[in-house]
Amino acid sequence: MTSANEHALNLAFREARSINRFTAQAVGDETLAALYDLLKWGPTSMNCQPARYVFLRSEAAKQRLKPALSPGNVDKTMAAPVVAIVAIDNLFYEHLPQQFPAYDAKPMFEANPALAAATAERNSSLQGAYLMIAARLLGLDCAPMSGFDAAKLNAEFFPDGRWRANFLVNLGYGDPTGNHPRGPRLAFEQAVTLL
């Protein structure tokens, strides 16, 4: 088995930070397409892929988001080159016949809304994490956020109710002068149980 080189491990994890300030360097549409083309390969249960992504690039698009942001997230989000809304497709299972041809799993989710909601939440969160790891591997910096009013965001961007917001990720090229000191991580013994 081969493993990633040290540089890739540092980019994806060891040196990864939540960025509070970005440079003025733009993030092009080709970079966002490359980002999706990489993150889409991350595994989800039954290949369900419930996450949907809205990339806010223009000032007008970010202004639509602004009323839903928590006060502490407004300035850094408005200044970010791109804001990704990681959303959930509540009817993700409509795509299962194509995405998961092993057997017909669609009726299982159609008949059980609680199972569908839990599956969508869990797997879209995984896909949001894949987005951040892929972004870092492509040279972008990230700032994930849950500080927003989901009802306001959903009313503005997803009024038909099919999609709903999970969390936000600011994307761009980081300016390290805006970073806070890096917080510690739990030790192996604190976080892991071996049975």
N, C-alpha and C. Protein backbone atom coordinates (compact mmCIF):
# COMPACT_ATOMS: atom_id res chain seq x y z
N MET A 1 0.85 -1.19 0.00
CA MET A 1 0.00 0.00 0.00
C MET A 1 0.89 1.24 0.00
N THR A 2 0.57 2.18 -0.85
CA THR A 2 1.33 3.43 -0.89
C THR A 2 0.59 4.48 -0.07
N SER A 3 1.33 5.45 0.41
CA SER A 3 0.71 6.54 1.16
C SER A 3 1.12 7.86 0.53
N ALA A 4 0.36 8.91 0.85
CA ALA A 4 0.66 10.23 0.33
C ALA A 4 2.00 10.71 0.85
N ASN A 5 2.62 11.59 0.07
CA ASN A 5 3.91 12.13 0.53
C ASN A 5 3.68 13.16 1.64
N GLU A 6 4.74 13.54 2.29
CA GLU A 6 4.66 14.45 3.44
C GLU A 6 4.04 15.79 3.06
N HIS A 7 4.35 16.27 1.87
CA HIS A 7 3.80 17.56 1.44
C HIS A 7 2.27 17.50 1.36
N ALA A 8 1.76 16.43 0.77
CA ALA A 8 0.30 16.28 0.66
C ALA A 8 -0.33 16.14 2.04
N LEU A 9 0.29 15.38 2.93
CA LEU A 9 -0.25 15.22 4.28
C LEU A 9 -0.27 16.56 5.03
N ASN A 10 0.79 17.35 4.83
CA ASN A 10 0.84 18.67 5.47
C ASN A 10 -0.25 19.59 4.93
N LEU A 11 -0.44 19.59 3.59
CA LEU A 11 -1.47 20.44 2.99
C LEU A 11 -2.87 20.08 3.48
N ALA A 12 -3.15 18.79 3.50
CA ALA A 12 -4.51 18.34 3.80
C ALA A 12 -4.83 18.41 5.29
N PHE A 13 -3.82 18.18 6.14
CA PHE A 13 -4.12 18.06 7.57
C PHE A 13 -3.17 18.82 8.48
N ARG A 14 -1.90 18.49 8.48
CA ARG A 14 -0.99 19.00 9.53
C ARG A 14 -0.86 20.51 9.54
N GLU A 15 -0.88 21.14 8.37
CA GLU A 15 -0.74 22.59 8.30
C GLU A 15 -2.05 23.29 7.94
N ALA A 16 -3.13 22.52 7.87
CA ALA A 16 -4.43 23.08 7.51
C ALA A 16 -4.96 23.95 8.64
N ARG A 17 -5.48 25.09 8.26
CA ARG A 17 -6.03 26.04 9.22
C ARG A 17 -7.38 26.55 8.74
N SER A 18 -8.21 26.96 9.67
CA SER A 18 -9.40 27.73 9.31
C SER A 18 -8.94 29.17 9.12
N ILE A 19 -9.09 29.67 7.92
CA ILE A 19 -8.55 30.98 7.55
C ILE A 19 -9.58 32.08 7.82
N ASN A 20 -9.14 33.14 8.45
CA ASN A 20 -10.02 34.28 8.73
C ASN A 20 -9.89 35.41 7.72
N ARG A 21 -8.78 35.42 6.98
CA ARG A 21 -8.53 36.51 6.04
C ARG A 21 -7.93 35.91 4.77
N PHE A 22 -8.40 36.38 3.63
CA PHE A 22 -7.91 35.90 2.35
C PHE A 22 -7.22 37.03 1.59
N THR A 23 -6.34 36.66 0.67
CA THR A 23 -5.74 37.64 -0.23
C THR A 23 -6.79 38.03 -1.27
N ALA A 24 -6.47 38.99 -2.09
CA ALA A 24 -7.39 39.44 -3.14
C ALA A 24 -7.36 38.54 -4.37
N GLN A 25 -6.50 37.54 -4.39
CA GLN A 25 -6.40 36.65 -5.55
C GLN A 25 -7.73 35.94 -5.80
N ALA A 26 -8.20 36.04 -7.02
CA ALA A 26 -9.48 35.44 -7.39
C ALA A 26 -9.35 33.92 -7.50
N VAL A 27 -10.47 33.25 -7.32
CA VAL A 27 -10.57 31.81 -7.54
C VAL A 27 -11.40 31.63 -8.81
N GLY A 28 -10.78 31.11 -9.84
CA GLY A 28 -11.45 31.00 -11.13
C GLY A 28 -12.44 29.85 -11.20
N ASP A 29 -13.34 29.94 -12.17
CA ASP A 29 -14.33 28.90 -12.36
C ASP A 29 -13.68 27.55 -12.67
N GLU A 30 -12.54 27.59 -13.37
CA GLU A 30 -11.85 26.33 -13.68
C GLU A 30 -11.32 25.67 -12.41
N THR A 31 -10.94 26.46 -11.43
CA THR A 31 -10.50 25.91 -10.15
C THR A 31 -11.67 25.29 -9.40
N LEU A 32 -12.83 25.94 -9.45
CA LEU A 32 -14.01 25.39 -8.79
C LEU A 32 -14.47 24.10 -9.48
N ALA A 33 -14.33 24.05 -10.81
CA ALA A 33 -14.67 22.82 -11.52
C ALA A 33 -13.70 21.71 -11.14
N ALA A 34 -12.40 22.03 -11.05
CA ALA A 34 -11.40 21.03 -10.64
C ALA A 34 -11.67 20.57 -9.21
N LEU A 35 -12.11 21.49 -8.36
CA LEU A 35 -12.44 21.15 -6.98
C LEU A 35 -13.56 20.12 -6.94
N TYR A 36 -14.63 20.37 -7.68
CA TYR A 36 -15.72 19.39 -7.69
C TYR A 36 -15.27 18.07 -8.30
N ASP A 37 -14.51 18.14 -9.39
CA ASP A 37 -14.06 16.91 -10.06
C ASP A 37 -13.21 16.04 -9.15
N LEU A 38 -12.57 16.63 -8.15
CA LEU A 38 -11.79 15.86 -7.18
C LEU A 38 -12.66 15.38 -6.03
N LEU A 39 -13.43 16.28 -5.43
CA LEU A 39 -14.19 15.91 -4.23
C LEU A 39 -15.27 14.88 -4.51
N LYS A 40 -15.79 14.83 -5.74
CA LYS A 40 -16.90 13.93 -6.05
C LYS A 40 -16.55 12.46 -5.86
N TRP A 41 -15.25 12.15 -5.83
CA TRP A 41 -14.82 10.76 -5.69
C TRP A 41 -14.82 10.28 -4.25
N GLY A 42 -15.03 11.15 -3.29
CA GLY A 42 -15.09 10.73 -1.89
C GLY A 42 -16.28 9.81 -1.67
N PRO A 43 -16.10 8.72 -0.93
CA PRO A 43 -17.19 7.75 -0.77
C PRO A 43 -18.32 8.25 0.12
N THR A 44 -19.54 7.83 -0.24
CA THR A 44 -20.72 8.04 0.57
C THR A 44 -21.49 6.72 0.62
N SER A 45 -22.35 6.55 1.61
CA SER A 45 -23.08 5.29 1.73
C SER A 45 -23.98 5.10 0.51
N MET A 46 -23.95 3.92 -0.06
CA MET A 46 -24.71 3.59 -1.27
C MET A 46 -24.44 4.57 -2.41
N ASN A 47 -23.28 5.23 -2.36
CA ASN A 47 -22.94 6.23 -3.38
C ASN A 47 -24.05 7.27 -3.52
N CYS A 48 -24.68 7.62 -2.38
CA CYS A 48 -25.88 8.46 -2.41
C CYS A 48 -25.62 9.92 -2.76
N GLN A 49 -24.44 10.44 -2.47
CA GLN A 49 -24.04 11.78 -2.87
C GLN A 49 -25.13 12.85 -2.66
N PRO A 50 -25.57 13.06 -1.43
CA PRO A 50 -26.67 14.02 -1.21
C PRO A 50 -26.25 15.48 -1.20
N ALA A 51 -24.95 15.78 -1.17
CA ALA A 51 -24.51 17.17 -1.09
C ALA A 51 -24.71 17.88 -2.42
N ARG A 52 -25.06 19.14 -2.33
CA ARG A 52 -25.12 20.04 -3.47
C ARG A 52 -24.35 21.28 -3.08
N TYR A 53 -23.77 21.96 -4.05
CA TYR A 53 -22.86 23.06 -3.76
C TYR A 53 -23.29 24.30 -4.53
N VAL A 54 -23.35 25.40 -3.82
CA VAL A 54 -23.61 26.70 -4.44
C VAL A 54 -22.39 27.55 -4.14
N PHE A 55 -21.67 27.97 -5.18
CA PHE A 55 -20.48 28.79 -5.03
C PHE A 55 -20.86 30.25 -5.25
N LEU A 56 -20.81 31.03 -4.19
CA LEU A 56 -21.12 32.46 -4.27
C LEU A 56 -19.82 33.19 -4.59
N ARG A 57 -19.75 33.79 -5.79
CA ARG A 57 -18.52 34.44 -6.24
C ARG A 57 -18.66 35.94 -6.36
N SER A 58 -19.85 36.40 -6.69
CA SER A 58 -20.05 37.82 -6.91
C SER A 58 -20.43 38.53 -5.62
N GLU A 59 -20.23 39.83 -5.62
CA GLU A 59 -20.63 40.65 -4.47
C GLU A 59 -22.14 40.57 -4.29
N ALA A 60 -22.88 40.58 -5.38
CA ALA A 60 -24.35 40.52 -5.29
C ALA A 60 -24.80 39.21 -4.65
N ALA A 61 -24.16 38.11 -5.02
CA ALA A 61 -24.54 36.81 -4.44
C ALA A 61 -24.22 36.78 -2.95
N LYS A 62 -23.06 37.31 -2.57
CA LYS A 62 -22.70 37.32 -1.14
C LYS A 62 -23.61 38.25 -0.34
N GLN A 63 -24.07 39.33 -0.96
CA GLN A 63 -25.01 40.22 -0.27
C GLN A 63 -26.33 39.52 0.03
N ARG A 64 -26.73 38.60 -0.82
CA ARG A 64 -27.94 37.81 -0.54
C ARG A 64 -27.76 36.94 0.70
N LEU A 65 -26.53 36.49 0.94
CA LEU A 65 -26.23 35.65 2.09
C LEU A 65 -26.09 36.45 3.38
N LYS A 66 -25.64 37.67 3.27
CA LYS A 66 -25.26 38.49 4.42
C LYS A 66 -26.30 38.52 5.55
N PRO A 67 -27.60 38.71 5.28
CA PRO A 67 -28.56 38.78 6.38
C PRO A 67 -28.66 37.49 7.20
N ALA A 68 -28.22 36.37 6.63
CA ALA A 68 -28.30 35.09 7.35
C ALA A 68 -27.07 34.81 8.21
N LEU A 69 -26.02 35.59 8.04
CA LEU A 69 -24.77 35.32 8.76
C LEU A 69 -24.81 35.81 10.19
N SER A 70 -24.16 35.07 11.07
CA SER A 70 -23.94 35.54 12.44
C SER A 70 -23.03 36.76 12.38
N PRO A 71 -23.20 37.74 13.29
CA PRO A 71 -22.41 38.97 13.20
C PRO A 71 -20.90 38.75 13.10
N GLY A 72 -20.38 37.78 13.84
CA GLY A 72 -18.93 37.54 13.81
C GLY A 72 -18.42 36.96 12.51
N ASN A 73 -19.31 36.52 11.64
CA ASN A 73 -18.89 35.92 10.37
C ASN A 73 -19.09 36.83 9.16
N VAL A 74 -19.69 38.00 9.37
CA VAL A 74 -20.05 38.86 8.24
C VAL A 74 -18.83 39.36 7.50
N ASP A 75 -17.91 40.05 8.17
CA ASP A 75 -16.80 40.71 7.48
C ASP A 75 -15.93 39.71 6.74
N LYS A 76 -15.56 38.62 7.40
CA LYS A 76 -14.65 37.66 6.73
C LYS A 76 -15.34 36.94 5.58
N THR A 77 -16.64 36.74 5.68
CA THR A 77 -17.36 36.08 4.60
C THR A 77 -17.55 37.01 3.41
N MET A 78 -17.87 38.26 3.67
CA MET A 78 -18.02 39.21 2.57
C MET A 78 -16.70 39.42 1.84
N ALA A 79 -15.58 39.27 2.53
CA ALA A 79 -14.27 39.49 1.92
C ALA A 79 -13.70 38.23 1.26
N ALA A 80 -14.28 37.08 1.51
CA ALA A 80 -13.77 35.84 0.92
C ALA A 80 -14.02 35.83 -0.59
N PRO A 81 -13.07 35.34 -1.37
CA PRO A 81 -13.28 35.27 -2.82
C PRO A 81 -14.48 34.41 -3.21
N VAL A 82 -14.69 33.30 -2.50
CA VAL A 82 -15.80 32.39 -2.78
C VAL A 82 -16.38 31.92 -1.46
N VAL A 83 -17.69 31.84 -1.40
CA VAL A 83 -18.37 31.21 -0.27
C VAL A 83 -19.13 30.02 -0.82
N ALA A 84 -18.82 28.84 -0.30
CA ALA A 84 -19.52 27.63 -0.72
C ALA A 84 -20.63 27.33 0.26
N ILE A 85 -21.84 27.21 -0.25
CA ILE A 85 -22.93 26.67 0.55
C ILE A 85 -22.93 25.17 0.30
N VAL A 86 -22.62 24.40 1.34
CA VAL A 86 -22.74 22.95 1.24
C VAL A 86 -24.16 22.62 1.64
N ALA A 87 -24.94 22.20 0.67
CA ALA A 87 -26.36 21.97 0.87
C ALA A 87 -26.68 20.48 0.79
N ILE A 88 -27.89 20.18 1.17
CA ILE A 88 -28.40 18.80 1.17
C ILE A 88 -29.57 18.73 0.20
N ASP A 89 -29.53 17.76 -0.70
CA ASP A 89 -30.68 17.49 -1.55
C ASP A 89 -31.58 16.52 -0.79
N ASN A 90 -32.72 17.00 -0.32
CA ASN A 90 -33.62 16.17 0.46
C ASN A 90 -34.16 14.97 -0.32
N LEU A 91 -34.13 15.06 -1.64
CA LEU A 91 -34.62 13.97 -2.49
C LEU A 91 -33.45 13.30 -3.22
N PHE A 92 -32.31 13.22 -2.55
CA PHE A 92 -31.11 12.63 -3.15
C PHE A 92 -31.37 11.25 -3.72
N TYR A 93 -32.28 10.53 -3.10
CA TYR A 93 -32.52 9.14 -3.48
C TYR A 93 -33.13 8.99 -4.88
N GLU A 94 -33.61 10.09 -5.46
CA GLU A 94 -34.11 10.02 -6.83
C GLU A 94 -33.00 9.65 -7.81
N HIS A 95 -31.76 9.92 -7.42
CA HIS A 95 -30.61 9.61 -8.29
C HIS A 95 -30.03 8.23 -8.02
N LEU A 96 -30.52 7.52 -7.02
CA LEU A 96 -29.93 6.23 -6.67
C LEU A 96 -29.99 5.18 -7.78
N PRO A 97 -31.05 5.12 -8.58
CA PRO A 97 -31.03 4.12 -9.64
C PRO A 97 -29.82 4.25 -10.57
N GLN A 98 -29.37 5.48 -10.79
CA GLN A 98 -28.18 5.71 -11.61
C GLN A 98 -26.91 5.55 -10.78
N GLN A 99 -26.90 6.11 -9.58
CA GLN A 99 -25.67 6.16 -8.77
C GLN A 99 -25.38 4.85 -8.04
N PHE A 100 -26.41 4.07 -7.76
CA PHE A 100 -26.24 2.82 -7.00
C PHE A 100 -27.04 1.71 -7.69
N PRO A 101 -26.50 1.18 -8.78
CA PRO A 101 -27.25 0.18 -9.54
C PRO A 101 -27.23 -1.23 -8.94
N ALA A 102 -26.57 -1.42 -7.82
CA ALA A 102 -26.47 -2.76 -7.22
C ALA A 102 -27.85 -3.35 -6.94
N TYR A 103 -28.75 -2.52 -6.43
CA TYR A 103 -30.14 -2.92 -6.24
C TYR A 103 -30.98 -1.66 -6.08
N ASP A 104 -32.27 -1.79 -6.09
CA ASP A 104 -33.16 -0.63 -6.04
C ASP A 104 -33.34 -0.15 -4.59
N ALA A 105 -32.53 0.81 -4.19
CA ALA A 105 -32.58 1.34 -2.82
C ALA A 105 -33.51 2.53 -2.67
N LYS A 106 -33.95 3.09 -3.78
CA LYS A 106 -34.80 4.29 -3.74
C LYS A 106 -36.04 4.10 -2.88
N PRO A 107 -36.80 2.99 -3.01
CA PRO A 107 -38.02 2.84 -2.20
C PRO A 107 -37.76 2.83 -0.70
N MET A 108 -36.60 2.36 -0.28
CA MET A 108 -36.27 2.32 1.14
C MET A 108 -36.27 3.73 1.73
N PHE A 109 -35.72 4.70 1.00
CA PHE A 109 -35.66 6.08 1.48
C PHE A 109 -36.99 6.80 1.27
N GLU A 110 -37.67 6.52 0.18
CA GLU A 110 -38.97 7.13 -0.05
C GLU A 110 -39.96 6.78 1.05
N ALA A 111 -39.86 5.55 1.55
CA ALA A 111 -40.81 5.07 2.57
C ALA A 111 -40.40 5.44 3.99
N ASN A 112 -39.20 5.98 4.17
CA ASN A 112 -38.71 6.26 5.52
C ASN A 112 -38.05 7.63 5.55
N PRO A 113 -38.83 8.71 5.73
CA PRO A 113 -38.26 10.06 5.73
C PRO A 113 -37.18 10.28 6.79
N ALA A 114 -37.31 9.64 7.95
CA ALA A 114 -36.29 9.81 9.00
C ALA A 114 -34.97 9.22 8.55
N LEU A 115 -35.00 8.05 7.94
CA LEU A 115 -33.78 7.43 7.41
C LEU A 115 -33.18 8.28 6.31
N ALA A 116 -34.02 8.80 5.42
CA ALA A 116 -33.53 9.65 4.33
C ALA A 116 -32.85 10.90 4.89
N ALA A 117 -33.48 11.55 5.89
CA ALA A 117 -32.91 12.77 6.46
C ALA A 117 -31.59 12.50 7.15
N ALA A 118 -31.51 11.43 7.93
CA ALA A 118 -30.26 11.10 8.64
C ALA A 118 -29.15 10.75 7.65
N THR A 119 -29.50 10.00 6.62
CA THR A 119 -28.51 9.62 5.61
C THR A 119 -28.01 10.84 4.86
N ALA A 120 -28.92 11.74 4.51
CA ALA A 120 -28.54 12.95 3.79
C ALA A 120 -27.65 13.84 4.65
N GLU A 121 -28.00 14.01 5.92
CA GLU A 121 -27.21 14.87 6.81
C GLU A 121 -25.79 14.33 6.98
N ARG A 122 -25.71 13.05 7.29
CA ARG A 122 -24.41 12.43 7.54
C ARG A 122 -23.51 12.49 6.30
N ASN A 123 -24.07 12.08 5.18
CA ASN A 123 -23.25 11.97 3.98
C ASN A 123 -22.93 13.30 3.33
N SER A 124 -23.82 14.28 3.44
CA SER A 124 -23.48 15.61 2.92
C SER A 124 -22.40 16.25 3.79
N SER A 125 -22.39 15.94 5.08
CA SER A 125 -21.31 16.44 5.95
C SER A 125 -19.98 15.83 5.53
N LEU A 126 -19.99 14.52 5.23
CA LEU A 126 -18.78 13.89 4.71
C LEU A 126 -18.32 14.59 3.43
N GLN A 127 -19.26 14.85 2.54
CA GLN A 127 -18.89 15.49 1.28
C GLN A 127 -18.36 16.91 1.48
N GLY A 128 -18.89 17.61 2.47
CA GLY A 128 -18.34 18.93 2.80
C GLY A 128 -16.91 18.83 3.29
N ALA A 129 -16.61 17.78 4.05
CA ALA A 129 -15.22 17.56 4.48
C ALA A 129 -14.33 17.23 3.28
N TYR A 130 -14.86 16.43 2.36
CA TYR A 130 -14.09 16.14 1.14
C TYR A 130 -13.81 17.42 0.37
N LEU A 131 -14.79 18.33 0.33
CA LEU A 131 -14.58 19.61 -0.34
C LEU A 131 -13.38 20.34 0.25
N MET A 132 -13.31 20.39 1.58
CA MET A 132 -12.20 21.12 2.22
C MET A 132 -10.86 20.44 1.98
N ILE A 133 -10.82 19.12 2.06
CA ILE A 133 -9.56 18.42 1.82
C ILE A 133 -9.13 18.60 0.37
N ALA A 134 -10.07 18.46 -0.56
CA ALA A 134 -9.74 18.66 -1.98
C ALA A 134 -9.27 20.08 -2.23
N ALA A 135 -9.95 21.06 -1.63
CA ALA A 135 -9.55 22.46 -1.81
C ALA A 135 -8.11 22.67 -1.34
N ARG A 136 -7.78 22.13 -0.19
CA ARG A 136 -6.42 22.29 0.33
C ARG A 136 -5.39 21.61 -0.58
N LEU A 137 -5.74 20.45 -1.12
CA LEU A 137 -4.81 19.75 -2.02
C LEU A 137 -4.63 20.51 -3.33
N LEU A 138 -5.61 21.35 -3.69
CA LEU A 138 -5.51 22.16 -4.90
C LEU A 138 -4.90 23.54 -4.63
N GLY A 139 -4.46 23.77 -3.40
CA GLY A 139 -3.79 25.03 -3.07
C GLY A 139 -4.69 26.11 -2.50
N LEU A 140 -5.96 25.81 -2.28
CA LEU A 140 -6.87 26.78 -1.67
C LEU A 140 -6.85 26.66 -0.16
N ASP A 141 -7.30 27.69 0.49
CA ASP A 141 -7.50 27.67 1.94
C ASP A 141 -8.99 27.72 2.22
N CYS A 142 -9.37 27.29 3.42
CA CYS A 142 -10.79 27.12 3.77
C CYS A 142 -11.09 27.68 5.14
N ALA A 143 -12.35 28.03 5.31
CA ALA A 143 -12.87 28.43 6.61
C ALA A 143 -14.30 27.91 6.72
N PRO A 144 -14.50 26.73 7.31
CA PRO A 144 -15.85 26.21 7.48
C PRO A 144 -16.60 26.97 8.57
N MET A 145 -17.91 27.13 8.39
CA MET A 145 -18.71 27.89 9.35
C MET A 145 -20.08 27.28 9.52
N SER A 146 -20.54 27.28 10.75
CA SER A 146 -21.93 26.93 11.02
C SER A 146 -22.67 28.12 11.64
N GLY A 147 -22.03 29.26 11.69
CA GLY A 147 -22.64 30.46 12.29
C GLY A 147 -23.50 31.21 11.29
N PHE A 148 -24.71 30.70 11.06
CA PHE A 148 -25.65 31.37 10.17
C PHE A 148 -27.06 30.90 10.52
N ASP A 149 -28.02 31.67 10.09
CA ASP A 149 -29.43 31.35 10.30
C ASP A 149 -29.88 30.50 9.10
N ALA A 150 -30.04 29.21 9.32
CA ALA A 150 -30.37 28.30 8.23
C ALA A 150 -31.72 28.63 7.60
N ALA A 151 -32.70 29.03 8.42
CA ALA A 151 -34.02 29.34 7.88
C ALA A 151 -33.95 30.53 6.91
N LYS A 152 -33.18 31.56 7.27
CA LYS A 152 -33.03 32.71 6.38
C LYS A 152 -32.29 32.32 5.10
N LEU A 153 -31.21 31.56 5.25
CA LEU A 153 -30.44 31.14 4.08
C LEU A 153 -31.31 30.30 3.15
N ASN A 154 -32.02 29.33 3.72
CA ASN A 154 -32.84 28.45 2.89
C ASN A 154 -33.95 29.22 2.18
N ALA A 155 -34.55 30.19 2.87
CA ALA A 155 -35.61 30.99 2.25
C ALA A 155 -35.06 31.79 1.07
N GLU A 156 -33.83 32.26 1.19
CA GLU A 156 -33.24 33.07 0.13
C GLU A 156 -32.76 32.25 -1.06
N PHE A 157 -32.08 31.15 -0.78
CA PHE A 157 -31.43 30.39 -1.85
C PHE A 157 -32.20 29.13 -2.28
N PHE A 158 -32.98 28.56 -1.40
CA PHE A 158 -33.66 27.29 -1.68
C PHE A 158 -35.15 27.37 -1.33
N PRO A 159 -35.87 28.33 -1.89
CA PRO A 159 -37.25 28.54 -1.47
C PRO A 159 -38.19 27.38 -1.80
N ASP A 160 -37.82 26.53 -2.75
CA ASP A 160 -38.72 25.41 -3.07
C ASP A 160 -38.61 24.27 -2.06
N GLY A 161 -37.60 24.33 -1.18
CA GLY A 161 -37.47 23.35 -0.11
C GLY A 161 -36.79 22.05 -0.47
N ARG A 162 -36.42 21.87 -1.71
CA ARG A 162 -35.77 20.60 -2.08
C ARG A 162 -34.37 20.53 -1.47
N TRP A 163 -33.63 21.61 -1.55
CA TRP A 163 -32.30 21.67 -0.94
C TRP A 163 -32.40 22.44 0.36
N ARG A 164 -31.46 22.15 1.28
CA ARG A 164 -31.35 22.92 2.52
C ARG A 164 -29.87 23.00 2.91
N ALA A 165 -29.52 24.08 3.57
CA ALA A 165 -28.12 24.32 3.91
C ALA A 165 -27.65 23.38 5.01
N ASN A 166 -26.43 22.90 4.87
CA ASN A 166 -25.76 22.15 5.93
C ASN A 166 -24.76 23.07 6.63
N PHE A 167 -23.75 23.54 5.88
CA PHE A 167 -22.80 24.51 6.44
C PHE A 167 -22.16 25.30 5.32
N LEU A 168 -21.37 26.30 5.68
CA LEU A 168 -20.69 27.19 4.74
C LEU A 168 -19.19 26.96 4.80
N VAL A 169 -18.52 27.21 3.67
CA VAL A 169 -17.06 27.17 3.64
C VAL A 169 -16.58 28.37 2.82
N ASN A 170 -15.84 29.27 3.45
CA ASN A 170 -15.17 30.33 2.71
C ASN A 170 -13.94 29.73 2.04
N LEU A 171 -13.71 30.10 0.78
CA LEU A 171 -12.61 29.57 0.00
C LEU A 171 -11.80 30.69 -0.62
N GLY A 172 -10.50 30.47 -0.72
CA GLY A 172 -9.63 31.43 -1.38
C GLY A 172 -8.19 31.10 -1.06
N TYR A 173 -7.35 32.11 -1.20
CA TYR A 173 -5.92 31.97 -0.90
C TYR A 173 -5.65 32.75 0.38
N GLY A 174 -5.28 32.04 1.42
CA GLY A 174 -5.22 32.61 2.75
C GLY A 174 -4.14 33.64 2.98
N ASP A 175 -4.48 34.59 3.82
CA ASP A 175 -3.52 35.57 4.35
C ASP A 175 -3.28 35.17 5.80
N PRO A 176 -2.12 34.59 6.10
CA PRO A 176 -1.89 34.06 7.45
C PRO A 176 -1.86 35.12 8.55
N THR A 177 -1.79 36.41 8.19
CA THR A 177 -1.78 37.43 9.24
C THR A 177 -3.12 37.51 9.96
N GLY A 178 -4.17 36.93 9.39
CA GLY A 178 -5.46 36.94 10.05
C GLY A 178 -5.71 35.74 10.94
N ASN A 179 -4.76 34.83 11.02
CA ASN A 179 -4.96 33.61 11.80
C ASN A 179 -4.83 33.85 13.30
N HIS A 180 -5.65 33.16 14.05
CA HIS A 180 -5.49 33.09 15.49
C HIS A 180 -4.44 32.02 15.78
N PRO A 181 -3.88 32.02 17.00
CA PRO A 181 -2.96 30.91 17.33
C PRO A 181 -3.68 29.58 17.18
N ARG A 182 -2.97 28.60 16.68
CA ARG A 182 -3.60 27.30 16.44
C ARG A 182 -3.92 26.61 17.76
N GLY A 183 -5.13 26.11 17.86
CA GLY A 183 -5.54 25.41 19.06
C GLY A 183 -4.97 24.00 19.12
N PRO A 184 -4.83 23.46 20.32
CA PRO A 184 -4.30 22.11 20.46
C PRO A 184 -5.32 21.07 20.03
N ARG A 185 -4.87 19.86 19.85
CA ARG A 185 -5.75 18.74 19.52
C ARG A 185 -5.70 17.74 20.67
N LEU A 186 -6.76 16.97 20.81
CA LEU A 186 -6.78 15.93 21.83
C LEU A 186 -5.71 14.89 21.54
N ALA A 187 -5.13 14.36 22.58
CA ALA A 187 -4.14 13.29 22.44
C ALA A 187 -4.84 11.99 22.07
N PHE A 188 -4.10 11.07 21.50
CA PHE A 188 -4.62 9.76 21.10
C PHE A 188 -5.38 9.12 22.26
N GLU A 189 -4.81 9.16 23.45
CA GLU A 189 -5.40 8.52 24.63
C GLU A 189 -6.71 9.17 25.03
N GLN A 190 -6.90 10.43 24.72
CA GLN A 190 -8.13 11.15 25.07
C GLN A 190 -9.25 10.88 24.07
N ALA A 191 -8.91 10.60 22.84
CA ALA A 191 -9.91 10.53 21.78
C ALA A 191 -10.18 9.14 21.25
N VAL A 192 -9.32 8.20 21.59
CA VAL A 192 -9.40 6.88 20.96
C VAL A 192 -9.56 5.80 22.01
N THR A 193 -10.44 4.86 21.77
CA THR A 193 -10.58 3.67 22.59
C THR A 193 -10.23 2.47 21.73
N LEU A 194 -9.32 1.66 22.20
CA LEU A 194 -8.93 0.44 21.49
C LEU A 194 -9.60 -0.75 22.19
N LEU A 195 -10.36 -1.52 21.46
CA LEU A 195 -11.05 -2.67 22.05
C LEU A 195 -10.53 -3.96 21.43
